C-alpha cells in the first residue's frame, strides 16, 4: 500500500498534467461542436384569434377619418337606396316626383311649421344677436363663393328630378325603404355637417323611426357605424335627424325604421 502511495507521490505532477490535458481537450471539443438553440412559441400555436377580440381593440370611434376623404365630400343629400345611375357631372339630388295625394297635402303645412319652429329654437340657442349676425354673414359669404364656383363648373344640379344621382362622397346619406323626402325636396333631410366648427371631421350614423306622416319620432346614435364622432357631432346629428321629414305613406308600418348617416366637415 505504501509503495502505491509512494508511486503516486513520485509521479503526481505527471498525473495532474495528463489529467489537465484531458480536461482541456474535452472542453475544447465540446465548445467547438456546441449548437445553441432557442424555443420560440409560434404566433398561432394552438390559438385562434377571434374577430370580436380584434374589434375590442379597434373600434370605429378610434379610426381617424382621412383628410383626403373629407375634402372630397360634397354638400349633397342622397338616398342610399336610390337606384338611378351614378354620375360625377350631370346629376340631380331628387328623383322624379311622385304624384301628390290628399293625405300628402294635408300634412305639408303642419310639417313645414314644425320644422321652422324647431329651427328657430336651435337658432336662438346659438347665443345672442351679434353671434347670429356673424353666422348669417359667414353663411352668405359661403353661398357667394359656391355660386362663383358653380359658374366655372360643368356640373348640372337641379331640383326637378333626373335620371342620375351623384356618385361621389356626400354629407348626408339616408336610408328609408320606399320613402322620399317631404315634397320630394332634399332640404327636408337636414344637414348639420358644418355646425361643429374646426377640426371636427367625422361620420355619425343615426337610427331613426318614422311614422306614416313622415315625422321622425325617434333618433338614436349608432356608435358601431360611426367614425371619429365628437359629442358635438352626435348632438347635432340627433337634432337634425329629428327635424327631418319624409313623405306620407299609407302603406308603411306605423313606425318605419331607417338610418341617416352624416359626414361632418371641418371648416
Protein backbone atom coordinates (compact mmCIF):
# COMPACT_ATOMS: atom_id res chain seq x y z
CA UNK A 1 0.00 0.00 0.00
CA UNK A 2 2.82 2.35 0.94
CA UNK A 3 4.64 1.52 -2.28
CA UNK A 4 1.49 2.53 -4.28
CA UNK A 5 1.19 5.83 -2.44
CA UNK A 6 4.89 6.45 -2.95
CA UNK A 7 4.43 5.78 -6.67
CA UNK A 8 1.57 8.28 -6.89
CA UNK A 9 3.56 10.85 -4.95
CA UNK A 10 6.51 10.33 -7.26
CA UNK A 11 4.51 10.86 -10.46
CA UNK A 12 1.85 13.23 -9.11
CA UNK A 13 2.84 16.13 -11.36
CA UNK A 14 2.78 13.90 -14.41
CA UNK A 15 -0.65 12.56 -13.46
CA UNK A 16 -2.02 16.10 -12.93
CA UNK A 17 -0.56 17.20 -16.26
CA UNK A 18 -2.17 14.32 -18.11
CA UNK A 19 -5.49 14.85 -16.31
CA UNK A 20 -5.40 18.59 -17.06
CA UNK A 21 -4.61 17.92 -20.72
CA UNK A 22 -7.52 15.52 -20.94
CA UNK A 23 -9.93 18.06 -19.40
CA UNK A 24 -8.69 20.78 -21.79
CA UNK A 25 -9.14 18.61 -24.88
CA UNK A 26 -12.60 17.55 -23.71
CA UNK A 27 -13.76 21.13 -23.13
CA UNK A 28 -12.35 22.30 -26.46
CA UNK A 29 -14.16 19.58 -28.38
CA UNK A 30 -17.44 20.30 -26.56
CA UNK A 31 -17.36 24.06 -27.12
CA UNK A 32 -16.40 23.85 -30.80
CA UNK A 33 -19.29 21.50 -31.58
CA UNK A 34 -21.91 23.13 -29.29
CA UNK A 35 -25.07 24.30 -31.06
CA UNK A 36 -27.18 26.81 -29.14
CA UNK A 37 -30.91 26.67 -29.75
CA UNK A 38 -33.95 28.56 -28.53
CA UNK A 39 -37.57 27.55 -28.38
CA UNK A 40 -39.86 30.19 -29.85
CA UNK A 41 -43.55 29.65 -29.46
CA UNK A 42 -45.43 30.07 -32.71
CA UNK A 43 -47.85 33.02 -33.05
CA UNK A 44 -50.74 30.75 -33.88
CA UNK A 45 -49.72 27.78 -31.72
CA UNK A 46 -52.98 26.13 -30.76
CA UNK A 47 -54.68 29.53 -30.60
CA UNK A 48 -57.25 31.23 -32.79
CA UNK A 49 -57.82 34.97 -32.89
CA UNK A 50 -61.49 35.78 -32.71
CA UNK A 51 -62.96 38.64 -34.73
CA UNK A 52 -64.70 40.02 -31.64
CA UNK A 53 -61.38 40.20 -29.77
CA UNK A 54 -59.84 42.24 -32.56
CA UNK A 55 -62.80 44.62 -32.64
CA UNK A 56 -62.42 45.26 -28.92
CA UNK A 57 -59.07 46.84 -29.68
CA UNK A 58 -60.03 48.54 -32.98
CA UNK A 59 -63.26 50.46 -32.57
CA UNK A 60 -64.75 52.66 -35.30
CA UNK A 61 -64.61 55.67 -32.95
CA UNK A 62 -60.82 55.29 -32.81
CA UNK A 63 -60.37 55.43 -36.57
CA UNK A 64 -59.46 58.91 -37.83
CA UNK A 65 -61.31 59.98 -40.96
CA UNK A 66 -58.80 60.73 -43.69
CA UNK A 67 -58.47 64.38 -44.69
CA UNK A 68 -58.50 63.40 -48.37
CA UNK A 69 -61.93 61.85 -47.88
CA UNK A 70 -63.26 64.90 -46.02
CA UNK A 71 -62.09 67.27 -48.75
CA UNK A 72 -63.89 65.24 -51.41
CA UNK A 73 -67.26 65.22 -49.62
CA UNK A 74 -69.98 67.18 -51.42
CA UNK A 75 -72.78 69.05 -49.70
CA UNK A 76 -75.42 66.70 -51.11
CA UNK A 77 -78.30 64.70 -49.64
CA UNK A 78 -78.62 61.23 -51.15
CA UNK A 79 -80.98 58.30 -50.73
CA UNK A 80 -78.85 55.23 -50.06
CA UNK A 81 -81.46 53.12 -51.88
CA UNK A 82 -81.54 55.35 -54.97
CA UNK A 83 -81.29 53.01 -57.96
CA UNK A 84 -80.55 55.68 -60.56
CA UNK A 85 -77.25 55.58 -62.44
CA UNK A 86 -74.38 57.39 -60.71
CA UNK A 87 -72.61 60.36 -62.24
CA UNK A 88 -69.96 62.86 -61.15
CA UNK A 89 -71.03 65.55 -63.65
CA UNK A 90 -74.69 65.63 -64.61
CA UNK A 91 -76.93 64.61 -61.73
CA UNK A 92 -79.83 65.71 -59.54
CA UNK A 93 -80.40 65.27 -55.81
CA UNK A 94 -84.08 64.44 -56.30
CA UNK A 95 -85.73 61.57 -58.08
CA UNK A 96 -88.65 62.24 -60.45
CA UNK A 97 -91.50 63.39 -58.20
CA UNK A 98 -94.38 61.05 -57.47
CA UNK A 99 -97.98 62.14 -57.80
CA UNK A 100 -99.19 64.03 -54.75
CA UNK A 101 -102.13 62.80 -52.68
CA UNK A 102 -104.71 64.41 -50.42
CA UNK A 103 -103.01 62.91 -47.38
CA UNK A 104 -99.64 64.24 -48.51
CA UNK A 105 -101.02 67.76 -48.92
CA UNK A 106 -102.86 67.60 -45.59
CA UNK A 107 -99.62 67.15 -43.65
CA UNK A 108 -97.47 69.59 -45.65
CA UNK A 109 -98.32 72.83 -43.86
CA UNK A 110 -98.11 71.28 -40.40
CA UNK A 111 -94.74 69.70 -41.10
CA UNK A 112 -93.26 72.90 -42.52
CA UNK A 113 -94.41 74.89 -39.49
CA UNK A 114 -92.90 72.38 -37.04
CA UNK A 115 -89.57 72.48 -38.88
CA UNK A 116 -89.48 76.28 -38.79
CA UNK A 117 -90.32 76.29 -35.07
CA UNK A 118 -87.54 73.83 -34.20
CA UNK A 119 -85.01 75.60 -36.38
CA UNK A 120 -85.87 78.90 -34.72
CA UNK A 121 -85.27 77.27 -31.34
CA UNK A 122 -81.86 75.95 -32.41
CA UNK A 123 -81.02 79.32 -33.90
CA UNK A 124 -81.86 81.14 -30.69
CA UNK A 125 -79.66 78.74 -28.74
CA UNK A 126 -76.57 79.87 -30.66
CA UNK A 127 -76.21 82.84 -28.29
CA UNK A 128 -77.29 86.42 -28.95
CA UNK A 129 -77.98 88.76 -31.84
CA UNK A 130 -74.33 89.55 -32.60
CA UNK A 131 -73.37 85.91 -32.92
CA UNK A 132 -76.40 85.23 -35.10
CA UNK A 133 -75.42 88.11 -37.40
CA UNK A 134 -71.92 86.66 -37.67
CA UNK A 135 -73.32 83.22 -38.57
CA UNK A 136 -75.56 84.77 -41.25
CA UNK A 137 -72.64 86.76 -42.66
CA UNK A 138 -70.41 83.66 -42.84
CA UNK A 139 -73.22 81.70 -44.47
CA UNK A 140 -73.76 84.43 -47.09
CA UNK A 141 -70.05 84.51 -47.86
CA UNK A 142 -70.03 80.75 -48.39
CA UNK A 143 -73.09 80.91 -50.61
CA UNK A 144 -71.40 83.63 -52.65
CA UNK A 145 -68.26 81.52 -53.06
CA UNK A 146 -70.34 78.48 -54.02
CA UNK A 147 -72.24 80.45 -56.65
CA UNK A 148 -68.96 81.67 -58.15
CA UNK A 149 -67.55 78.16 -58.29
CA UNK A 150 -70.71 76.86 -59.96
CA UNK A 151 -70.26 79.39 -62.77
CA UNK A 152 -66.97 77.76 -63.73
CA UNK A 153 -68.20 74.21 -63.26
CA UNK A 154 -69.82 71.89 -65.79
CA UNK A 155 -71.85 70.20 -63.07
CA UNK A 156 -75.60 70.36 -63.63
CA UNK A 157 -77.71 70.32 -60.45
CA UNK A 158 -81.46 70.77 -60.45
CA UNK A 159 -84.36 70.12 -58.09
CA UNK A 160 -86.73 68.85 -60.76
CA UNK A 161 -85.54 65.26 -60.65
CA UNK A 162 -83.47 63.41 -63.20
CA UNK A 163 -82.18 60.04 -64.26
CA UNK A 164 -78.80 60.20 -62.47
CA UNK A 165 -77.62 60.58 -58.88
CA UNK A 166 -74.32 61.99 -57.62
CA UNK A 167 -71.73 59.20 -57.47
CA UNK A 168 -69.18 60.68 -55.05
CA UNK A 169 -68.97 61.12 -51.27
CA UNK A 170 -71.89 63.05 -49.78
CA UNK A 171 -72.58 64.79 -46.46
CA UNK A 172 -75.98 63.17 -45.89
CA UNK A 173 -76.72 59.57 -46.84
CA UNK A 174 -80.09 58.28 -45.67
CA UNK A 175 -81.99 55.02 -45.95
CA UNK A 176 -85.76 54.62 -45.55
CA UNK A 177 -87.26 51.99 -47.85
CA UNK A 178 -89.85 53.31 -50.36
CA UNK A 179 -89.91 56.79 -48.80
CA UNK A 180 -88.79 60.14 -50.22
CA UNK A 181 -88.08 63.46 -48.54
CA UNK A 182 -91.09 65.66 -47.80
CA UNK A 183 -92.32 67.24 -51.06
CA UNK A 184 -89.54 65.35 -52.84
CA UNK A 185 -87.18 68.08 -51.62
CA UNK A 186 -83.82 67.01 -50.08
CA UNK A 187 -83.93 70.20 -47.98
CA UNK A 188 -86.19 68.32 -45.56
CA UNK A 189 -83.45 65.77 -44.78
CA UNK A 190 -81.45 68.35 -42.87
CA UNK A 191 -77.66 68.65 -42.95
CA UNK A 192 -75.68 69.62 -39.80
CA UNK A 193 -72.32 68.87 -41.42
CA UNK A 194 -70.80 72.35 -40.90
CA UNK A 195 -72.19 73.09 -37.44
CA UNK A 196 -69.37 71.84 -35.19
CA UNK A 197 -66.60 74.19 -36.31
CA UNK A 198 -62.93 73.49 -36.97
CA UNK A 199 -61.23 70.11 -36.60
CA UNK A 200 -64.50 68.22 -36.46
CA UNK A 201 -64.30 65.79 -39.35
CA UNK A 202 -66.16 62.53 -38.76
CA UNK A 203 -69.05 60.23 -39.61
CA UNK A 204 -72.17 59.91 -37.46
CA UNK A 205 -74.90 57.35 -38.08
CA UNK A 206 -78.33 57.88 -36.54
CA UNK A 207 -81.01 55.21 -36.32
CA UNK A 208 -84.43 56.74 -36.94
CA UNK A 209 -88.07 55.75 -36.60
CA UNK A 210 -90.55 57.49 -38.89
CA UNK A 211 -94.33 57.46 -38.59
CA UNK A 212 -96.73 57.28 -41.51
CA UNK A 213 -97.00 61.08 -41.74
CA UNK A 214 -93.25 61.31 -42.32
CA UNK A 215 -92.24 62.64 -38.91
CA UNK A 216 -89.02 61.36 -37.33
CA UNK A 217 -90.29 60.38 -33.89
CA UNK A 218 -87.09 58.75 -32.62
CA UNK A 219 -83.39 59.29 -33.34
CA UNK A 220 -80.57 57.35 -31.65
CA UNK A 221 -76.81 57.41 -32.12
CA UNK A 222 -75.30 54.24 -33.62
CA UNK A 223 -71.70 54.08 -32.36
CA UNK A 224 -70.81 50.89 -34.25
CA UNK A 225 -71.48 52.59 -37.61
CA UNK A 226 -69.80 55.92 -36.77
CA UNK A 227 -66.20 57.14 -37.02
CA UNK A 228 -64.43 59.89 -35.06
CA UNK A 229 -67.70 61.18 -33.63
CA UNK A 230 -67.36 64.02 -31.12
CA UNK A 231 -70.11 64.94 -28.59
CA UNK A 232 -70.98 67.99 -30.71
CA UNK A 233 -71.40 65.87 -33.84
CA UNK A 234 -73.62 63.37 -32.05
CA UNK A 235 -75.79 66.08 -30.51
CA UNK A 236 -76.21 67.96 -33.79
CA UNK A 237 -76.87 64.78 -35.78
CA UNK A 238 -79.70 63.77 -33.42
CA UNK A 239 -81.20 67.28 -33.51
CA UNK A 240 -81.16 67.48 -37.29
CA UNK A 241 -82.46 63.95 -37.70
CA UNK A 242 -85.47 64.83 -35.53
CA UNK A 243 -86.37 67.85 -37.69
CA UNK A 244 -86.01 65.91 -40.93
CA UNK A 245 -89.25 64.99 -42.65
CA UNK A 246 -90.25 62.35 -45.18
CA UNK A 247 -93.29 61.81 -47.36
CA UNK A 248 -96.61 60.50 -46.13
CA UNK A 249 -97.17 56.77 -46.65
CA UNK A 250 -100.41 54.94 -46.03
CA UNK A 251 -98.77 51.57 -46.75
CA UNK A 252 -95.77 51.76 -44.39
CA UNK A 253 -95.73 50.34 -40.88
CA UNK A 254 -96.73 52.69 -38.07
CA UNK A 255 -93.07 53.23 -37.15
CA UNK A 256 -90.70 52.55 -40.01
CA UNK A 257 -87.01 52.15 -39.15
CA UNK A 258 -84.18 53.64 -41.16
CA UNK A 259 -80.86 55.45 -40.86
CA UNK A 260 -79.30 58.82 -41.65
CA UNK A 261 -75.54 58.99 -41.98
CA UNK A 262 -73.95 62.42 -41.60
CA UNK A 263 -70.46 63.44 -42.65
CA UNK A 264 -69.13 66.40 -40.65
CA UNK A 265 -66.51 68.52 -42.37
CA UNK A 266 -64.08 70.91 -40.69
CA UNK A 267 -64.24 74.49 -41.96
